[in-house]
C-alpha atoms as a PDB file:
ATOM      1  CA  MET A   1       4.385  15.576   6.043  1.00  0.00           C
ATOM      2  CA  LYS A   2       4.800  18.899   4.279  1.00  0.00           C
ATOM      3  CA  ASN A   3       6.595  18.974   0.911  1.00  0.00           C
ATOM      4  CA  ARG A   4       6.404  15.198   0.686  1.00  0.00           C
ATOM      5  CA  LYS A   5       6.360  13.731  -2.811  1.00  0.00           C
ATOM      6  CA  PRO A   6       3.237  11.906  -4.000  1.00  0.00           C
ATOM      7  CA  VAL A   7       3.291   8.103  -3.909  1.00  0.00           C
ATOM      8  CA  ILE A   8       3.791   8.049  -7.692  1.00  0.00           C
ATOM      9  CA  TYR A   9       5.415  10.878  -9.623  1.00  0.00           C
ATOM     10  CA  ILE A  10       7.268  11.632 -12.868  1.00  0.00           C
ATOM     11  CA  ASN A  11      11.009  12.230 -12.763  1.00  0.00           C
ATOM     12  CA  ASP A  12      11.451  15.105 -15.237  1.00  0.00           C
ATOM     13  CA  GLU A  13      15.109  14.281 -15.760  1.00  0.00           C
ATOM     14  CA  LYS A  14      14.232  10.847 -17.150  1.00  0.00           C
ATOM     15  CA  CYS A  15      11.018  11.737 -18.988  1.00  0.00           C
ATOM     16  CA  ARG A  16      11.229  11.574 -22.810  1.00  0.00           C
ATOM     17  CA  ASN A  17       7.622  12.683 -23.433  1.00  0.00           C
ATOM     18  CA  SER A  18       6.541   9.394 -25.003  1.00  0.00           C
ATOM     19  CA  TYR A  19       3.139   9.873 -23.320  1.00  0.00           C
ATOM     20  CA  SER A  20       2.675   6.138 -22.870  1.00  0.00           C
ATOM     21  CA  CYS A  21       1.678   6.938 -19.287  1.00  0.00           C
ATOM     22  CA  VAL A  22      -1.076   9.242 -20.510  1.00  0.00           C
ATOM     23  CA  ARG A  23      -2.483   6.563 -22.792  1.00  0.00           C
ATOM     24  CA  VAL A  24      -2.690   3.828 -20.156  1.00  0.00           C
ATOM     25  CA  CYS A  25      -3.986   5.845 -17.193  1.00  0.00           C
ATOM     26  CA  PRO A  26      -7.544   4.607 -16.517  1.00  0.00           C
ATOM     27  CA  VAL A  27      -8.655   7.778 -14.726  1.00  0.00           C
ATOM     28  CA  ASN A  28      -6.987  10.547 -16.759  1.00  0.00           C
ATOM     29  CA  ALA A  29      -4.769  11.465 -13.845  1.00  0.00           C
ATOM     30  CA  ILE A  30      -1.815  12.592 -15.978  1.00  0.00           C
ATOM     31  CA  GLU A  31      -1.934  16.153 -17.200  1.00  0.00           C
ATOM     32  CA  VAL A  32      -0.291  17.500 -20.349  1.00  0.00           C
ATOM     33  CA  LYS A  33      -0.131  21.255 -20.828  1.00  0.00           C
ATOM     34  CA  PRO A  34       1.696  23.326 -23.459  1.00  0.00           C
ATOM     35  CA  GLN A  35       3.343  25.459 -20.791  1.00  0.00           C
ATOM     36  CA  LYS A  36       4.764  22.391 -19.048  1.00  0.00           C
ATOM     37  CA  GLU A  37       7.795  20.584 -20.419  1.00  0.00           C
ATOM     38  CA  HIS A  38       6.655  17.155 -19.219  1.00  0.00           C
ATOM     39  CA  PRO A  39       3.442  15.405 -18.170  1.00  0.00           C
ATOM     40  CA  TYR A  40       2.408  15.716 -14.540  1.00  0.00           C
ATOM     41  CA  ILE A  41       0.537  13.231 -12.328  1.00  0.00           C
ATOM     42  CA  LEU A  42      -2.407  14.812 -10.531  1.00  0.00           C
ATOM     43  CA  PRO A  43      -2.406  13.395  -6.976  1.00  0.00           C
ATOM     44  CA  GLY A  44      -6.058  14.267  -6.532  1.00  0.00           C
ATOM     45  CA  ARG A  45      -7.034  11.935  -9.378  1.00  0.00           C
ATOM     46  CA  CYS A  46      -4.348   9.260  -9.149  1.00  0.00           C
ATOM     47  CA  ILE A  47      -5.509   5.921  -7.699  1.00  0.00           C
ATOM     48  CA  GLY A  48      -2.012   4.431  -7.472  1.00  0.00           C
ATOM     49  CA  CYS A  49      -2.666   1.489  -9.802  1.00  0.00           C
ATOM     50  CA  GLY A  50       0.854   1.607 -11.267  1.00  0.00           C
ATOM     51  CA  LEU A  51      -0.104   1.136 -14.924  1.00  0.00           C
ATOM     52  CA  CYS A  52       1.906   4.214 -15.850  1.00  0.00           C
ATOM     53  CA  TYR A  53       4.920   2.805 -14.032  1.00  0.00           C
ATOM     54  CA  VAL A  54       4.754  -0.431 -16.019  1.00  0.00           C
ATOM     55  CA  SER A  55       4.282   1.309 -19.384  1.00  0.00           C
ATOM     56  CA  CYS A  56       7.087   3.877 -19.056  1.00  0.00           C
ATOM     57  CA  THR A  57      10.100   2.538 -20.982  1.00  0.00           C
ATOM     58  CA  PRO A  58      12.471   5.370 -19.863  1.00  0.00           C
ATOM     59  CA  HIS A  59      11.539   4.463 -16.263  1.00  0.00           C
ATOM     60  CA  ALA A  60      10.599   8.063 -15.546  1.00  0.00           C
ATOM     61  CA  ILE A  61       7.653   7.040 -13.378  1.00  0.00           C
ATOM     62  CA  GLU A  62       8.898   6.529  -9.841  1.00  0.00           C
ATOM     63  CA  PHE A  63       7.486   5.596  -6.460  1.00  0.00           C
ATOM     64  CA  ARG A  64       8.229   7.762  -3.467  1.00  0.00           C
ATOM     65  CA  ASP A  65      11.377   6.594  -1.695  1.00  0.00           C
ATOM     66  CA  SER A  66      10.564   6.056   1.971  1.00  0.00           C
ATOM     67  CA  LYS A  67      13.909   4.687   3.081  1.00  0.00           C
ATOM     68  CA  GLU A  68      14.800   7.847   5.008  1.00  0.00           C
ATOM     69  CA  ASP A  69      11.420   7.755   6.769  1.00  0.00           C
ATOM     70  CA  VAL A  70      12.081   4.163   7.781  1.00  0.00           C
ATOM     71  CA  LYS A  71      15.547   5.020   9.079  1.00  0.00           C
ATOM     72  CA  LYS A  72      14.075   7.781  11.242  1.00  0.00           C
ATOM     73  CA  MET A  73      11.443   5.383  12.521  1.00  0.00           C
ATOM     74  CA  LEU A  74      14.056   2.815  13.492  1.00  0.00           C
ATOM     75  CA  VAL A  75      15.969   5.310  15.641  1.00  0.00           C
ATOM     76  CA  SER A  76      12.857   6.907  17.136  1.00  0.00           C
ATOM     77  CA  GLY A  77      12.954   4.735  20.245  1.00  0.00           C
ATOM     78  CA  ARG A  78       9.507   3.291  19.539  1.00  0.00           C
ATOM     79  CA  LYS A  79       8.898  -0.388  18.937  1.00  0.00           C
ATOM     80  CA  THR A  80       8.751  -1.171  15.231  1.00  0.00           C
ATOM     81  CA  ALA A  81       7.404  -4.092  13.218  1.00  0.00           C
ATOM     82  CA  ALA A  82       8.124  -5.070   9.616  1.00  0.00           C
ATOM     83  CA  LEU A  83       5.151  -6.640   7.861  1.00  0.00           C
ATOM     84  CA  ILE A  84       6.390  -8.966   5.136  1.00  0.00           C
ATOM     85  CA  GLU A  85       4.527 -10.248   2.095  1.00  0.00           C
ATOM     86  CA  PRO A  86       5.139 -13.886   1.088  1.00  0.00           C
ATOM     87  CA  SER A  87       6.413 -12.634  -2.282  1.00  0.00           C
ATOM     88  CA  ILE A  88       9.673 -11.624  -0.595  1.00  0.00           C
ATOM     89  CA  ALA A  89      10.762 -15.251  -1.023  1.00  0.00           C
ATOM     90  CA  SER A  90      10.994 -14.718  -4.789  1.00  0.00           C
ATOM     91  CA  GLU A  91      13.566 -11.971  -4.244  1.00  0.00           C
ATOM     92  CA  PHE A  92      15.819 -14.302  -2.271  1.00  0.00           C
ATOM     93  CA  ASP A  93      15.273 -17.696  -3.911  1.00  0.00           C
ATOM     94  CA  ASP A  94      18.566 -18.960  -2.496  1.00  0.00           C
ATOM     95  CA  ILE A  95      17.198 -18.725   1.048  1.00  0.00           C
ATOM     96  CA  THR A  96      15.000 -21.661   1.973  1.00  0.00           C
ATOM     97  CA  ASP A  97      14.877 -21.179   5.748  1.00  0.00           C
ATOM     98  CA  TYR A  98      12.342 -18.498   6.700  1.00  0.00           C
ATOM     99  CA  ARG A  99      14.202 -17.884   9.946  1.00  0.00           C
ATOM    100  CA  LYS A 100      17.020 -16.315   7.954  1.00  0.00           C
ATOM    101  CA  PHE A 101      14.544 -13.772   6.577  1.00  0.00           C
ATOM    102  CA  VAL A 102      13.530 -12.869  10.093  1.00  0.00           C
ATOM    103  CA  ALA A 103      17.150 -12.507  11.186  1.00  0.00           C
ATOM    104  CA  MET A 104      17.957 -10.326   8.160  1.00  0.00           C
ATOM    105  CA  ILE A 105      15.094  -7.952   8.818  1.00  0.00           C
ATOM    106  CA  ARG A 106      15.649  -7.755  12.567  1.00  0.00           C
ATOM    107  CA  SER A 107      19.310  -6.963  11.922  1.00  0.00           C
ATOM    108  CA  LEU A 108      18.101  -3.762  10.231  1.00  0.00           C
ATOM    109  CA  GLY A 109      16.663  -2.623  13.543  1.00  0.00           C
ATOM    110  CA  PHE A 110      13.061  -3.864  13.520  1.00  0.00           C
ATOM    111  CA  ASP A 111      11.837  -5.298  16.805  1.00  0.00           C
ATOM    112  CA  TYR A 112       9.225  -7.610  15.318  1.00  0.00           C
ATOM    113  CA  VAL A 113       8.646  -9.351  11.988  1.00  0.00           C
ATOM    114  CA  HIS A 114       5.240 -10.573  10.829  1.00  0.00           C
ATOM    115  CA  GLU A 115       3.954 -12.061   7.583  1.00  0.00           C
ATOM    116  CA  ASP A 116       1.013 -10.413   5.832  1.00  0.00           C
ATOM    117  CA  SER A 117      -0.616 -13.731   4.920  1.00  0.00           C
ATOM    118  CA  PHE A 118      -1.820 -13.934   8.526  1.00  0.00           C
ATOM    119  CA  GLY A 119      -3.939 -10.864   7.815  1.00  0.00           C
ATOM    120  CA  VAL A 120      -5.290 -12.522   4.659  1.00  0.00           C
ATOM    121  CA  ASP A 121      -6.642 -15.405   6.740  1.00  0.00           C
ATOM    122  CA  LEU A 122      -8.187 -13.007   9.245  1.00  0.00           C
ATOM    123  CA  ILE A 123      -9.895 -10.904   6.602  1.00  0.00           C
ATOM    124  CA  ALA A 124     -11.100 -13.967   4.671  1.00  0.00           C
ATOM    125  CA  ALA A 125     -12.863 -15.162   7.818  1.00  0.00           C
ATOM    126  CA  ALA A 126     -14.332 -11.677   8.357  1.00  0.00           C
ATOM    127  CA  TYR A 127     -15.645 -11.637   4.774  1.00  0.00           C
ATOM    128  CA  ALA A 128     -17.288 -15.036   5.255  1.00  0.00           C
ATOM    129  CA  LYS A 129     -19.190 -13.676   8.259  1.00  0.00           C
ATOM    130  CA  LEU A 130     -20.031 -10.457   6.422  1.00  0.00           C
ATOM    131  CA  PHE A 131     -21.507 -12.252   3.399  1.00  0.00           C
ATOM    132  CA  LEU A 132     -23.743 -14.341   5.637  1.00  0.00           C
ATOM    133  CA  LYS A 133     -25.286 -11.100   6.902  1.00  0.00           C
ATOM    134  CA  ALA A 134     -25.400  -9.314   3.524  1.00  0.00           C
ATOM    135  CA  GLU A 135     -29.133 -10.000   3.034  1.00  0.00           C
ATOM    136  CA  GLY A 136     -28.950  -9.507  -0.711  1.00  0.00           C
ATOM    137  CA  LYS A 137     -26.754  -6.399  -0.641  1.00  0.00           C
ATOM    138  CA  TYR A 138     -24.021  -6.337  -3.266  1.00  0.00           C
ATOM    139  CA  LEU A 139     -20.632  -5.831  -1.659  1.00  0.00           C
ATOM    140  CA  ILE A 140     -17.312  -4.845  -3.231  1.00  0.00           C
ATOM    141  CA  THR A 141     -14.239  -6.269  -1.547  1.00  0.00           C
ATOM    142  CA  ALA A 142     -11.901  -3.613  -0.206  1.00  0.00           C
ATOM    143  CA  ASN A 143      -8.608  -5.530  -0.351  1.00  0.00           C
ATOM    144  CA  CYS A 144      -7.105  -3.468  -3.177  1.00  0.00           C
ATOM    145  CA  PRO A 145      -6.282   0.153  -2.238  1.00  0.00           C
ATOM    146  CA  SER A 146      -6.426   1.217  -5.905  1.00  0.00           C
ATOM    147  CA  ILE A 147      -9.967  -0.104  -6.303  1.00  0.00           C
ATOM    148  CA  VAL A 148     -11.017   1.602  -3.083  1.00  0.00           C
ATOM    149  CA  LYS A 149      -9.564   4.914  -4.292  1.00  0.00           C
ATOM    150  CA  LEU A 150     -11.208   4.469  -7.697  1.00  0.00           C
ATOM    151  CA  ILE A 151     -14.587   4.131  -6.035  1.00  0.00           C
ATOM    152  CA  GLU A 152     -14.042   6.915  -3.511  1.00  0.00           C
ATOM    153  CA  LYS A 153     -12.822   9.405  -6.118  1.00  0.00           C
ATOM    154  CA  PHE A 154     -14.871   8.544  -9.200  1.00  0.00           C
ATOM    155  CA  HIS A 155     -17.850   6.459  -8.095  1.00  0.00           C
ATOM    156  CA  PRO A 156     -18.817   7.831  -4.675  1.00  0.00           C
ATOM    157  CA  ASP A 157     -22.321   6.432  -5.081  1.00  0.00           C
ATOM    158  CA  LEU A 158     -20.773   2.961  -4.669  1.00  0.00           C
ATOM    159  CA  VAL A 159     -18.990   3.755  -1.403  1.00  0.00           C
ATOM    160  CA  PRO A 160     -21.858   2.252   0.661  1.00  0.00           C
ATOM    161  CA  ASN A 161     -21.234  -1.011  -1.211  1.00  0.00           C
ATOM    162  CA  LEU A 162     -17.582  -1.188  -0.206  1.00  0.00           C
ATOM    163  CA  ALA A 163     -17.114  -3.947   2.337  1.00  0.00           C
ATOM    164  CA  PRO A 164     -16.493  -2.265   5.719  1.00  0.00           C
ATOM    165  CA  LEU A 165     -13.267  -4.186   6.224  1.00  0.00           C
ATOM    166  CA  VAL A 166      -9.676  -3.048   6.156  1.00  0.00           C
ATOM    167  CA  SER A 167      -7.102  -4.608   3.849  1.00  0.00           C
ATOM    168  CA  PRO A 168      -5.070  -7.648   4.990  1.00  0.00           C
ATOM    169  CA  ILE A 169      -1.944  -5.512   5.488  1.00  0.00           C
ATOM    170  CA  ILE A 170      -3.777  -3.195   7.878  1.00  0.00           C
ATOM    171  CA  ALA A 171      -5.391  -6.163   9.656  1.00  0.00           C
ATOM    172  CA  THR A 172      -1.926  -7.629  10.210  1.00  0.00           C
ATOM    173  CA  ALA A 173      -0.736  -4.291  11.575  1.00  0.00           C
ATOM    174  CA  MET A 174      -3.726  -4.057  13.906  1.00  0.00           C
ATOM    175  CA  VAL A 175      -3.074  -7.498  15.339  1.00  0.00           C
ATOM    176  CA  SER A 176       0.641  -6.753  15.652  1.00  0.00           C
ATOM    177  CA  VAL A 177      -0.037  -3.600  17.640  1.00  0.00           C
ATOM    178  CA  GLY A 178      -2.561  -5.340  19.848  1.00  0.00           C
ATOM    179  CA  PHE A 179      -0.365  -8.401  20.358  1.00  0.00           C
ATOM    180  CA  HIS A 180       2.574  -6.364  21.537  1.00  0.00           C
ATOM    181  CA  ARG A 181       0.275  -4.349  23.838  1.00  0.00           C
ATOM    182  CA  SER A 182       1.557  -0.926  22.909  1.00  0.00           C
ATOM    183  CA  THR A 183       1.131   1.629  20.198  1.00  0.00           C
ATOM    184  CA  GLY A 184       3.767   1.351  17.527  1.00  0.00           C
ATOM    185  CA  GLN A 185       4.812   2.040  14.007  1.00  0.00           C
ATOM    186  CA  CYS A 186       4.601  -0.548  11.273  1.00  0.00           C
ATOM    187  CA  ASP A 187       6.374  -0.522   7.967  1.00  0.00           C
ATOM    188  CA  ARG A 188       5.836  -2.722   4.931  1.00  0.00           C
ATOM    189  CA  GLU A 189       8.843  -4.485   3.449  1.00  0.00           C
ATOM    190  CA  GLY A 190       9.107  -6.963   0.617  1.00  0.00           C
ATOM    191  CA  GLY A 191       5.836  -6.071  -1.098  1.00  0.00           C
ATOM    192  CA  ASP A 192       5.230  -6.218  -4.852  1.00  0.00           C
ATOM    193  CA  CYS A 193       2.224  -3.904  -5.236  1.00  0.00           C
ATOM    194  CA  GLY A 194       2.631  -0.175  -5.653  1.00  0.00           C
ATOM    195  CA  GLY A 195      -0.982   0.501  -4.814  1.00  0.00           C
ATOM    196  CA  ARG A 196      -0.436  -0.799  -1.337  1.00  0.00           C
ATOM    197  CA  ALA A 197       1.947   2.041  -0.692  1.00  0.00           C
ATOM    198  CA  ASN A 198      -1.228   3.949   0.080  1.00  0.00           C
ATOM    199  CA  ASP A 199      -1.874   1.456   2.857  1.00  0.00           C
ATOM    200  CA  LYS A 200       1.427   2.135   4.600  1.00  0.00           C
ATOM    201  CA  ARG A 201       0.846   4.454   7.504  1.00  0.00           C
ATOM    202  CA  GLU A 202       1.798   5.122  11.077  1.00  0.00           C
ATOM    203  CA  LEU A 203      -0.439   3.112  13.342  1.00  0.00           C
ATOM    204  CA  SER A 204      -1.690   3.863  16.816  1.00  0.00           C
ATOM    205  CA  ILE A 205      -4.721   1.619  16.984  1.00  0.00           C
ATOM    206  CA  THR A 206      -6.470  -1.197  18.771  1.00  0.00           C
ATOM    207  CA  PRO A 207      -7.419  -4.469  17.044  1.00  0.00           C
ATOM    208  CA  SER A 208     -10.560  -4.152  14.910  1.00  0.00           C
ATOM    209  CA  PHE A 209     -11.082  -5.182  11.337  1.00  0.00           C
ATOM    210  CA  THR A 210     -13.885  -2.838  10.360  1.00  0.00           C
ATOM    211  CA  HIS A 211     -13.924   0.754   9.229  1.00  0.00           C
ATOM    212  CA  SER A 212     -16.667   3.254   8.559  1.00  0.00           C
ATOM    213  CA  ASN A 213     -17.565   4.246   5.008  1.00  0.00           C
END
């Protein structure tokens, strides 16, 4: 989408120029220039690891708010699925019946609710098969979007060593789309990892757990 904010950005109104974000960034993705009042995150270098977010005491580092996008998706007329991470239980420790979670999320307008841990099991099985066929080749797991971006942006020579498998969240989305036998949109809810925001996307796919490097 045009004019869309990056996944991670600095809110100039909150920034106090402590530069803690600059010090912790592992890829020098935060620019400081005399002609600019505050630091600026360079989207082309950022890998979405979230270290800057954790280190910023004024809470000036923010993640893109996608609530309006989700609202538009829910009224689009297309079938929608919410993919939930198990960590959502820690946010609602007073709820012990998982069915209440499902009811809560469906009441928002989602047609289907699926748990991401299903995708973890699928990808773990795919990795087991992949390693049996590795024939001595060193492989880097591709579960973490930040690690994948780090390699793609700063160590392209290692891209052939990235395991040709999608992340568990995408695997769950693929199965969800295939199971419901129609193209659809999937949104992540209840996650605790900012890097995975890069994994959230509109999906119109058929089930397959591999991708091309």
